[in-house]
Each structure stands twice: as structure tokens, then as C-alpha cells.
């Protein structure tokens, strides 16, 4: 378990399951390597599962059981983390009033909402509170199923059965015209001038990677989590001639983990060539020392199986086989291929150190691109820009000719 998340309110402590952190630390006092391996085999918990402990380091119920149920139901680690913080805040709020989840009244929950929205040291807006209310609704639904409470302690209103507002948010979806998209891809992400000539003042990193990612997002309709976590075998880029097109089976990285396929057309594949031939080999070569140093923490792939649909390698000291489409983003992030000449990260798009570029990393790339676009916005070749920076999701929408 990782202890990088501190206690809230000083009453209990919140931890998150991270078995790989144990192997990274090395020796654990009072436990041998064999004992730790046996413990992890006997007590299986998904990565990122929250665990709430009291001052004697014993699990706090019913929250820990709820967290475990969410983990075993394959809930997203980020969702579990957000829910855990909300539940912990309510736990501490009720504890200071001598109450718990079973004895909490409607007034207690409404006062908690008032505290979060208007009276806490750091208050939250309506959108953040709506996420909190969703977490509390699922927590009390779990307690009802367990027979620990007769029902949710609050009464439903005419608009919603939760404590939230029930108001839909403005998604701010923007459609990009062709000229705007090309300006975004080539000037913002690619570092060119509006007339498509080279910009000698450009000092950005990996423009071919950024342009290829931009084109891939547009031409396939994939979401950020889908295209940014792609692995080389999914595009047929592990040995042999590079295919002209590709079909990608999405599952664990798709929205709501609903399986679907995405077609990668000729244009998107072709625009990846400069990145694959020039930039990516440089990134991998510079990262070899760091990758070798971290090899015990990585999923070291020994071979590809079933026409590259499965991979076999060493993960946490065990030899395992995994179906690629069912690998979550965190496992994809640490997957590397043992080539004999070095470790080659299996991710298509890499950042510094040879690691899969994170969502926050792609966000930094986006804002740097927006700054360049604004700098060149007065050029006669530049299209009209919107007031707000585009987001990657906008690339999923229609580009008009």
C-alpha cells in the first residue's frame, strides 16, 4: 500500500494499494520476499484500491469493505480515489458529531453539503459537489444491499434522487474547420509557420510525435485515453513491414470499458513515419539507462503471442500472459519489450525517460501549442481562433471542408 495520501481530519488514514511500491522499496522489516509473495497471492486487491485504517492500523468498516467491492468490480482507480476522499470527509464530519453512516440523518447529510459548499476552509462548486453526491449515493446503496441501513437518509426531490443539483453541464463542444485544424496541427503542435515553412525560433520537443498524435485523434475518433495509451502491437509496429492501415480493438482503455474497434486510416498511419523513424528511436536510446535501472518495476515482455494479440513477460517477479486489449493504462505504462539490444517501451507515444506520456503531459503539450497559435494569430495566413483553448476531445467532432 502507498501511504502518500495523508490522513484527513486526523481521525483515520487513507492508503491505496500499490504492490509495485513494495518491490521498489525492497526489503520489508519482518517479512521475507517469499512471505510477501505468498501474502499477495492470498490477498488479491486491484491496484489503486483504497484502504482506510484507524490509529491501530486496523481496517475501518464499512468503508474498507465498500472500497474492496469497488476494486473487485474493476472500478477505475481515479474514480475509487475520488470516492474515497468524499467518503472519508463525511466519515470525519459525522464522527465529530458522534454519528456514523448508519445513524446519520437527513439533516446531517444536508449540513455536510452546506459545509462543503459554503463553510469549509476550501469550498467546492456545484460540479464538484455533484461528484461528491454521486459517491455518497453509491456508498449508501452499498450499505442498503448489506442490510446496514434501511435506505438513503435523504429524501429525493422532484429533480433527482441524489443530493446533487441534477443540472446538466455545458460540455463546450467546439467544431473545428479544416483551416483551423491544420493551423492547430502544423503551427501549434508541429512548430511550423502559418505558410507551412520552418520556424527557426521553434524550441519545442518532438513536433513529429505531436502532429502524429493530433492526426490520429482526428482520423480515428478515439478519445484521449484510447489513443494516448496505444501500444506498438496494436498498430502492427513490432517487426516486419509497417502496415498501411490498422484496426484497433479497444476494451480496457475505452470509455466505460465498453469494447469497440477503431480504424486507423492511411493518412494517420503515414503521418507517424517521421516520429517512428526519427524521434522515437532517439527517445528510447536516451532512456536505456533509466529503463534498466527500473526493470524490476516494469512489465518486461519476452515475446508476443497469437498474432500480437497477447504478450508474455515478467511482472512483479512472475511470468504472466496478458491480452493486450484488456490491459489498463497503468499496466500499459510500464510494459517494455526485451529486444536483446535493450528495453523498448511498448507504448507508441513516449515522453522523456522513455515512459508513456501521461494525460497531464499531453495537457502541457496542448497549452504550449495554444500559446504558439496565439503568437501567430495575427498572421494573414492564420484562421480565426476561438476565445478558449481547444481540447483533444474537440478533434472527435466534424471538420468541415
Protein backbone atom coordinates (compact mmCIF):
# COMPACT_ATOMS: atom_id res chain seq x y z
CA UNK A 1 0.00 0.00 0.00
CA UNK A 2 1.17 3.51 -0.69
CA UNK A 3 0.99 5.98 2.19
CA UNK A 4 1.45 9.12 0.11
CA UNK A 5 -2.12 10.14 0.87
CA UNK A 6 -2.24 11.64 4.37
CA UNK A 7 -4.96 11.48 6.96
CA UNK A 8 -7.85 13.90 6.64
CA UNK A 9 -9.02 15.35 9.90
CA UNK A 10 -6.59 13.17 11.94
CA UNK A 11 -9.21 10.51 12.74
CA UNK A 12 -8.22 7.79 10.28
CA UNK A 13 -5.70 7.32 7.50
CA UNK A 14 -6.33 6.60 3.84
CA UNK A 15 -3.98 4.38 1.83
CA UNK A 16 -4.07 2.97 -1.70
CA UNK A 17 -2.99 -0.49 -2.80
CA UNK A 18 0.27 -0.41 -4.75
CA UNK A 19 2.08 -3.75 -4.75
CA UNK A 20 4.77 -2.48 -7.08
CA UNK A 21 5.76 0.13 -4.49
CA UNK A 22 6.67 -2.77 -2.17
CA UNK A 23 9.05 -4.31 -4.71
CA UNK A 24 10.51 -0.89 -5.43
CA UNK A 25 11.26 -0.28 -1.74
CA UNK A 26 12.97 -3.67 -1.43
CA UNK A 27 13.32 -5.38 1.94
CA UNK A 28 10.34 -5.03 4.31
CA UNK A 29 11.07 -5.37 8.03
CA UNK A 30 9.75 -8.63 9.45
CA UNK A 31 8.74 -10.07 6.05
CA UNK A 32 10.82 -12.10 3.63
CA UNK A 33 10.41 -11.87 -0.14
CA UNK A 34 8.70 -15.29 -0.16
CA UNK A 35 6.29 -14.25 2.60
CA UNK A 36 5.35 -11.08 0.75
CA UNK A 37 4.77 -13.00 -2.47
CA UNK A 38 2.57 -15.52 -0.63
CA UNK A 39 0.61 -12.70 1.01
CA UNK A 40 -0.06 -11.01 -2.32
CA UNK A 41 -1.13 -14.35 -3.82
CA UNK A 42 -3.53 -14.99 -0.93
CA UNK A 43 -4.95 -11.47 -0.58
CA UNK A 44 -5.62 -10.13 -4.05
CA UNK A 45 -6.60 -6.47 -4.37
CA UNK A 46 -6.55 -4.41 -7.56
CA UNK A 47 -4.04 -1.60 -7.88
CA UNK A 48 -5.38 1.68 -6.53
CA UNK A 49 -7.97 0.14 -4.19
CA UNK A 50 -8.44 2.49 -1.18
CA UNK A 51 -7.96 1.12 2.34
CA UNK A 52 -8.99 3.07 5.44
CA UNK A 53 -7.10 2.31 8.68
CA UNK A 54 -7.62 3.51 12.27
CA UNK A 55 -4.88 4.51 14.72
CA UNK A 56 -4.17 0.83 15.47
CA UNK A 57 -3.80 0.13 11.71
CA UNK A 58 -6.98 -1.93 11.57
CA UNK A 59 -9.45 -1.57 8.65
CA UNK A 60 -12.27 0.90 9.20
CA UNK A 61 -15.65 -0.58 8.30
CA UNK A 62 -17.89 -0.41 6.36
CA UNK A 63 -15.74 1.81 4.13
CA UNK A 64 -12.91 -0.66 3.59
CA UNK A 65 -15.34 -3.37 2.50
CA UNK A 66 -17.01 -0.91 0.13
CA UNK A 67 -13.65 0.05 -1.35
CA UNK A 68 -12.76 -3.63 -1.78
CA UNK A 69 -16.09 -4.30 -3.50
CA UNK A 70 -15.42 -1.42 -5.90
CA UNK A 71 -11.91 -2.70 -6.63
CA UNK A 72 -13.11 -6.24 -7.32
CA UNK A 73 -15.81 -4.78 -9.58
CA UNK A 74 -12.98 -3.26 -11.69
CA UNK A 75 -13.89 0.34 -10.96
CA UNK A 76 -11.45 2.88 -12.35
CA UNK A 77 -8.66 3.76 -9.90
CA UNK A 78 -9.29 7.51 -10.30
CA UNK A 79 -12.98 7.04 -9.57
CA UNK A 80 -12.20 5.00 -6.45
CA UNK A 81 -9.74 7.64 -5.28
CA UNK A 82 -12.29 10.45 -5.67
CA UNK A 83 -14.98 8.39 -3.92
CA UNK A 84 -12.59 7.54 -1.10
CA UNK A 85 -11.82 11.17 -0.32
CA UNK A 86 -15.51 12.06 -0.31
CA UNK A 87 -16.40 9.16 1.99
CA UNK A 88 -13.52 9.97 4.33
CA UNK A 89 -14.60 13.60 4.62
CA UNK A 90 -18.14 12.53 5.50
CA UNK A 91 -16.78 9.93 7.96
CA UNK A 92 -14.80 12.61 9.81
CA UNK A 93 -17.66 15.10 9.60
CA UNK A 94 -20.06 12.62 11.22
CA UNK A 95 -17.51 11.41 13.78
CA UNK A 96 -17.11 14.93 15.23
CA UNK A 97 -20.88 14.86 15.86
CA UNK A 98 -20.87 11.42 17.46
CA UNK A 99 -22.54 9.78 14.48
CA UNK A 100 -21.67 7.20 11.85
CA UNK A 101 -23.10 6.22 8.47
CA UNK A 102 -25.85 4.08 9.98
CA UNK A 103 -27.06 6.74 12.40
CA UNK A 104 -26.69 9.76 10.11
CA UNK A 105 -29.92 11.65 9.47
CA UNK A 106 -31.04 13.70 6.51
CA UNK A 107 -30.11 16.84 8.43
CA UNK A 108 -26.56 15.53 8.90
CA UNK A 109 -26.14 15.00 5.17
CA UNK A 110 -27.61 18.40 4.32
CA UNK A 111 -25.29 20.05 6.85
CA UNK A 112 -22.36 18.22 5.26
CA UNK A 113 -23.40 19.62 1.90
CA UNK A 114 -23.64 23.13 3.39
CA UNK A 115 -20.17 22.75 4.93
CA UNK A 116 -18.63 21.53 1.65
CA UNK A 117 -20.28 24.25 -0.44
CA UNK A 118 -20.07 27.30 1.84
CA UNK A 119 -18.27 26.83 5.17
CA UNK A 120 -15.20 24.59 4.72
CA UNK A 121 -11.73 26.12 4.56
CA UNK A 122 -11.72 25.20 0.86
CA UNK A 123 -15.24 25.13 -0.54
CA UNK A 124 -16.29 23.44 -3.79
CA UNK A 125 -18.55 24.45 -6.65
CA UNK A 126 -21.73 22.77 -7.79
CA UNK A 127 -19.99 20.48 -10.28
CA UNK A 128 -17.57 19.15 -7.64
CA UNK A 129 -20.40 18.68 -5.16
CA UNK A 130 -22.40 16.74 -7.74
CA UNK A 131 -19.48 14.30 -7.95
CA UNK A 132 -19.45 14.05 -4.15
CA UNK A 133 -23.17 13.36 -4.08
CA UNK A 134 -22.77 10.57 -6.64
CA UNK A 135 -20.18 8.94 -4.38
CA UNK A 136 -22.43 9.20 -1.33
CA UNK A 137 -25.35 7.77 -3.27
CA UNK A 138 -23.32 4.71 -4.24
CA UNK A 139 -21.99 4.31 -0.70
CA UNK A 140 -25.48 4.26 0.79
CA UNK A 141 -26.75 1.95 -1.95
CA UNK A 142 -23.98 -0.47 -0.90
CA UNK A 143 -25.00 -0.16 2.77
CA UNK A 144 -28.63 -0.86 1.82
CA UNK A 145 -27.56 -4.00 -0.05
CA UNK A 146 -25.62 -5.12 3.02
CA UNK A 147 -28.65 -4.53 5.25
CA UNK A 148 -26.81 -1.96 7.35
CA UNK A 149 -29.25 0.88 6.66
CA UNK A 150 -32.90 0.76 5.53
CA UNK A 151 -32.33 3.30 2.75
CA UNK A 152 -30.67 6.56 1.81
CA UNK A 153 -31.10 9.01 4.70
CA UNK A 154 -32.19 11.85 2.43
CA UNK A 155 -35.48 12.24 0.61
CA UNK A 156 -35.49 12.54 -3.19
CA UNK A 157 -36.53 15.86 -4.67
CA UNK A 158 -38.58 16.37 -7.79
CA UNK A 159 -35.45 16.64 -9.94
CA UNK A 160 -33.16 13.97 -8.53
CA UNK A 161 -32.84 11.14 -6.03
CA UNK A 162 -29.34 12.28 -5.03
CA UNK A 163 -28.04 15.25 -3.07
CA UNK A 164 -26.79 16.79 -6.31
CA UNK A 165 -28.35 19.52 -8.35
CA UNK A 166 -29.44 17.34 -11.26
CA UNK A 167 -28.33 20.10 -13.63
CA UNK A 168 -26.56 19.05 -16.86
CA UNK A 169 -23.25 20.78 -17.53
CA UNK A 170 -22.32 22.71 -20.65
CA UNK A 171 -19.78 20.49 -22.45
CA UNK A 172 -18.50 23.37 -24.60
CA UNK A 173 -18.06 21.12 -27.64
CA UNK A 174 -16.35 23.05 -30.44
CA UNK A 175 -16.31 22.05 -34.10
CA UNK A 176 -13.08 22.82 -35.94
CA UNK A 177 -12.99 23.92 -39.56
CA UNK A 178 -10.32 22.43 -41.79
CA UNK A 179 -8.17 25.58 -41.80
CA UNK A 180 -8.36 25.78 -38.02
CA UNK A 181 -7.37 22.15 -37.61
CA UNK A 182 -4.36 22.41 -39.95
CA UNK A 183 -3.24 25.55 -38.12
CA UNK A 184 -3.59 23.69 -34.81
CA UNK A 185 -1.73 20.60 -36.05
CA UNK A 186 1.09 22.20 -38.03
CA UNK A 187 1.68 25.55 -36.32
CA UNK A 188 0.62 24.75 -32.76
CA UNK A 189 1.76 21.15 -32.42
CA UNK A 190 4.25 20.93 -35.27
CA UNK A 191 6.18 24.18 -34.86
CA UNK A 192 5.75 25.41 -38.45
CA UNK A 193 4.88 28.89 -39.70
CA UNK A 194 1.35 29.60 -40.95
CA UNK A 195 2.67 29.39 -44.55
CA UNK A 196 3.95 25.84 -43.79
CA UNK A 197 7.62 26.93 -43.80
CA UNK A 198 10.03 26.07 -40.99
CA UNK A 199 10.06 28.31 -37.93
CA UNK A 200 13.68 28.78 -36.88
CA UNK A 201 12.63 30.10 -33.46
CA UNK A 202 10.69 26.95 -32.54
CA UNK A 203 12.19 25.23 -29.48
CA UNK A 204 9.50 22.67 -28.72
CA UNK A 205 10.02 18.97 -28.08
CA UNK A 206 9.11 16.19 -30.51
CA UNK A 207 6.92 18.02 -33.06
CA UNK A 208 6.55 14.91 -35.26
CA UNK A 209 5.13 12.99 -32.29
CA UNK A 210 2.67 15.76 -31.53
CA UNK A 211 1.46 16.11 -35.12
CA UNK A 212 1.06 12.34 -35.46
CA UNK A 213 -0.99 12.15 -32.25
CA UNK A 214 -3.17 15.04 -33.36
CA UNK A 215 -3.88 13.40 -36.73
CA UNK A 216 -4.53 10.02 -35.12
CA UNK A 217 -7.07 11.53 -32.72
CA UNK A 218 -8.88 13.27 -35.56
CA UNK A 219 -8.91 10.45 -38.12
CA UNK A 220 -9.90 7.64 -35.72
CA UNK A 221 -12.32 9.41 -33.36
CA UNK A 222 -10.52 7.88 -30.37
CA UNK A 223 -10.63 9.62 -27.01
CA UNK A 224 -7.50 10.83 -25.22
CA UNK A 225 -7.23 7.74 -23.00
CA UNK A 226 -7.65 5.50 -26.05
CA UNK A 227 -5.07 6.94 -28.47
CA UNK A 228 -2.52 8.09 -25.89
CA UNK A 229 -2.22 4.57 -24.41
CA UNK A 230 -1.88 2.69 -27.70
CA UNK A 231 0.81 0.00 -27.85
CA UNK A 232 3.01 -0.81 -30.82
CA UNK A 233 1.47 -4.28 -31.47
CA UNK A 234 -1.99 -2.71 -31.77
CA UNK A 235 -0.81 -0.77 -34.82
CA UNK A 236 1.26 -3.65 -36.22
CA UNK A 237 4.53 -1.87 -35.44
CA UNK A 238 6.51 -4.72 -33.87
CA UNK A 239 8.74 -6.14 -36.58
CA UNK A 240 8.09 -6.69 -40.25
CA UNK A 241 6.83 -4.14 -42.74
CA UNK A 242 4.69 -1.33 -41.38
CA UNK A 243 1.03 -1.84 -42.36
CA UNK A 244 -0.73 0.83 -44.41
CA UNK A 245 -3.78 0.84 -42.10
CA UNK A 246 -4.76 -0.77 -38.82
CA UNK A 247 -7.78 -1.94 -36.86
CA UNK A 248 -7.52 -1.48 -33.09
CA UNK A 249 -9.66 -3.43 -30.62
CA UNK A 250 -10.42 -1.18 -27.64
CA UNK A 251 -11.57 -2.60 -24.32
CA UNK A 252 -9.90 -1.69 -21.01
CA UNK A 253 -8.98 1.82 -22.23
CA UNK A 254 -12.33 2.55 -23.90
CA UNK A 255 -14.99 4.73 -22.28
CA UNK A 256 -16.75 2.69 -19.58
CA UNK A 257 -14.50 -0.19 -20.76
CA UNK A 258 -17.05 -0.97 -23.47
CA UNK A 259 -15.35 -2.96 -26.26
CA UNK A 260 -15.30 -1.40 -29.71
CA UNK A 261 -12.93 -1.18 -32.66
CA UNK A 262 -11.25 1.84 -34.24
CA UNK A 263 -9.96 2.02 -37.80
CA UNK A 264 -6.67 3.84 -38.37
CA UNK A 265 -6.66 5.07 -41.99
CA UNK A 266 -3.77 5.53 -44.37
CA UNK A 267 -3.24 9.22 -43.67
CA UNK A 268 -2.95 8.79 -39.92
CA UNK A 269 -0.51 5.88 -40.27
CA UNK A 270 1.60 7.74 -42.82
CA UNK A 271 1.98 10.84 -40.64
CA UNK A 272 3.53 8.67 -37.91
CA UNK A 273 6.56 7.78 -40.07
CA UNK A 274 8.77 10.80 -39.18
CA UNK A 275 8.13 10.22 -35.48
CA UNK A 276 8.77 6.46 -35.67
CA UNK A 277 11.92 6.85 -37.79
CA UNK A 278 13.48 9.97 -36.24
CA UNK A 279 12.18 10.96 -32.82
CA UNK A 280 11.10 7.74 -31.13
CA UNK A 281 14.47 5.91 -31.57
CA UNK A 282 16.24 8.92 -30.01
CA UNK A 283 13.90 8.89 -27.01
CA UNK A 284 14.36 5.13 -26.49
CA UNK A 285 18.16 5.30 -26.83
CA UNK A 286 18.46 8.08 -24.26
CA UNK A 287 16.19 6.21 -21.85
CA UNK A 288 18.07 2.88 -21.74
CA UNK A 289 19.96 3.53 -18.51
CA UNK A 290 16.81 4.66 -16.70
CA UNK A 291 14.79 1.73 -18.04
CA UNK A 292 17.40 -0.83 -16.95
CA UNK A 293 17.56 0.75 -13.50
CA UNK A 294 13.77 0.42 -13.16
CA UNK A 295 13.48 -3.02 -14.77
CA UNK A 296 12.18 -4.68 -11.57
CA UNK A 297 9.23 -2.28 -11.56
CA UNK A 298 8.39 -2.84 -15.23
CA UNK A 299 6.41 -5.45 -17.14
CA UNK A 300 9.29 -6.88 -19.21
CA UNK A 301 7.83 -8.55 -22.31
CA UNK A 302 9.68 -11.63 -23.54
CA UNK A 303 7.54 -12.46 -26.57
CA UNK A 304 4.37 -11.65 -28.46
CA UNK A 305 1.77 -14.36 -28.97
CA UNK A 306 -1.40 -15.00 -31.01
CA UNK A 307 -0.53 -12.59 -33.82
CA UNK A 308 0.47 -9.92 -31.29
CA UNK A 309 -2.89 -10.09 -29.50
CA UNK A 310 -1.23 -11.34 -26.30
CA UNK A 311 2.08 -10.69 -24.60
CA UNK A 312 4.11 -12.83 -22.21
CA UNK A 313 6.66 -11.47 -19.79
CA UNK A 314 7.78 -10.91 -16.21
CA UNK A 315 5.59 -8.76 -13.95
CA UNK A 316 6.27 -8.39 -10.22
CA UNK A 317 8.66 -11.33 -10.34
CA UNK A 318 6.18 -13.70 -12.03
CA UNK A 319 5.92 -14.83 -15.65
CA UNK A 320 2.44 -13.94 -16.87
CA UNK A 321 0.47 -13.68 -20.12
CA UNK A 322 -1.87 -10.77 -20.80
CA UNK A 323 -4.37 -9.97 -23.56
CA UNK A 324 -3.33 -6.57 -24.92
CA UNK A 325 -6.80 -5.08 -25.35
CA UNK A 326 -7.61 -5.92 -21.71
CA UNK A 327 -4.54 -4.13 -20.30
CA UNK A 328 -5.41 -1.00 -18.34
CA UNK A 329 -3.48 2.28 -18.81
CA UNK A 330 -1.24 1.73 -15.78
CA UNK A 331 -0.08 -1.69 -16.97
CA UNK A 332 0.48 -0.33 -20.47
CA UNK A 333 2.59 2.45 -18.98
CA UNK A 334 5.15 0.01 -17.59
CA UNK A 335 5.21 -2.50 -20.47
CA UNK A 336 8.62 -2.78 -22.21
CA UNK A 337 9.87 -5.24 -24.81
CA UNK A 338 13.17 -7.04 -24.25
CA UNK A 339 14.86 -6.83 -27.67
CA UNK A 340 18.27 -8.22 -26.75
CA UNK A 341 19.84 -4.84 -27.52
CA UNK A 342 17.83 -3.02 -24.86
CA UNK A 343 14.38 -2.34 -23.49
CA UNK A 344 11.89 -0.85 -25.94
CA UNK A 345 8.77 0.68 -24.31
CA UNK A 346 5.68 -0.87 -25.84
CA UNK A 347 3.80 2.45 -25.85
CA UNK A 348 3.56 4.24 -29.18
CA UNK A 349 3.82 7.80 -27.84
CA UNK A 350 6.71 8.38 -25.45
CA UNK A 351 7.93 11.26 -23.33
CA UNK A 352 11.25 11.98 -21.64
CA UNK A 353 12.73 8.92 -19.94
CA UNK A 354 11.02 6.52 -22.33
CA UNK A 355 7.76 6.50 -20.38
CA UNK A 356 4.31 6.68 -21.93
CA UNK A 357 3.35 10.34 -21.98
CA UNK A 358 0.80 10.97 -19.22
CA UNK A 359 -2.51 12.82 -19.56
CA UNK A 360 -1.00 15.81 -17.75
CA UNK A 361 1.96 15.66 -20.14
CA UNK A 362 -0.35 15.81 -23.14
CA UNK A 363 -2.15 18.71 -21.49
CA UNK A 364 1.12 20.63 -21.27
CA UNK A 365 1.71 19.92 -24.96
CA UNK A 366 -1.77 21.27 -25.74
CA UNK A 367 -1.22 24.53 -23.86
CA UNK A 368 2.18 25.11 -25.44
CA UNK A 369 0.52 24.59 -28.84
CA UNK A 370 -2.18 27.11 -27.92
CA UNK A 371 0.46 29.68 -26.96
CA UNK A 372 2.12 29.28 -30.36
CA UNK A 373 -1.22 29.60 -32.14
CA UNK A 374 -1.93 32.85 -30.31
CA UNK A 375 1.53 34.19 -31.19
CA UNK A 376 0.84 33.63 -34.89
CA UNK A 377 -2.87 34.54 -34.78
CA UNK A 378 -2.29 37.94 -36.43
CA UNK A 379 -0.56 36.44 -39.47
CA UNK A 380 -2.56 36.82 -42.68
CA UNK A 381 -2.44 33.05 -43.21
CA UNK A 382 -3.88 32.32 -39.76
CA UNK A 383 -7.56 31.41 -39.32
CA UNK A 384 -9.84 32.95 -36.71
CA UNK A 385 -9.17 31.37 -33.31
CA UNK A 386 -11.79 30.72 -30.62
CA UNK A 387 -11.69 32.54 -27.29
CA UNK A 388 -10.80 29.37 -25.37
CA UNK A 389 -8.11 26.78 -25.95
CA UNK A 390 -9.26 23.68 -27.79
CA UNK A 391 -9.15 20.33 -26.00
CA UNK A 392 -8.29 16.95 -27.53
CA UNK A 393 -11.91 15.84 -27.36
CA UNK A 394 -12.79 18.54 -29.91
CA UNK A 395 -10.84 16.54 -32.51
CA UNK A 396 -13.55 13.88 -32.39
CA UNK A 397 -16.03 16.25 -33.97
CA UNK A 398 -16.63 17.06 -37.62
CA UNK A 399 -14.09 19.01 -39.61
CA UNK A 400 -15.84 20.88 -42.44
CA UNK A 401 -14.21 21.44 -45.78
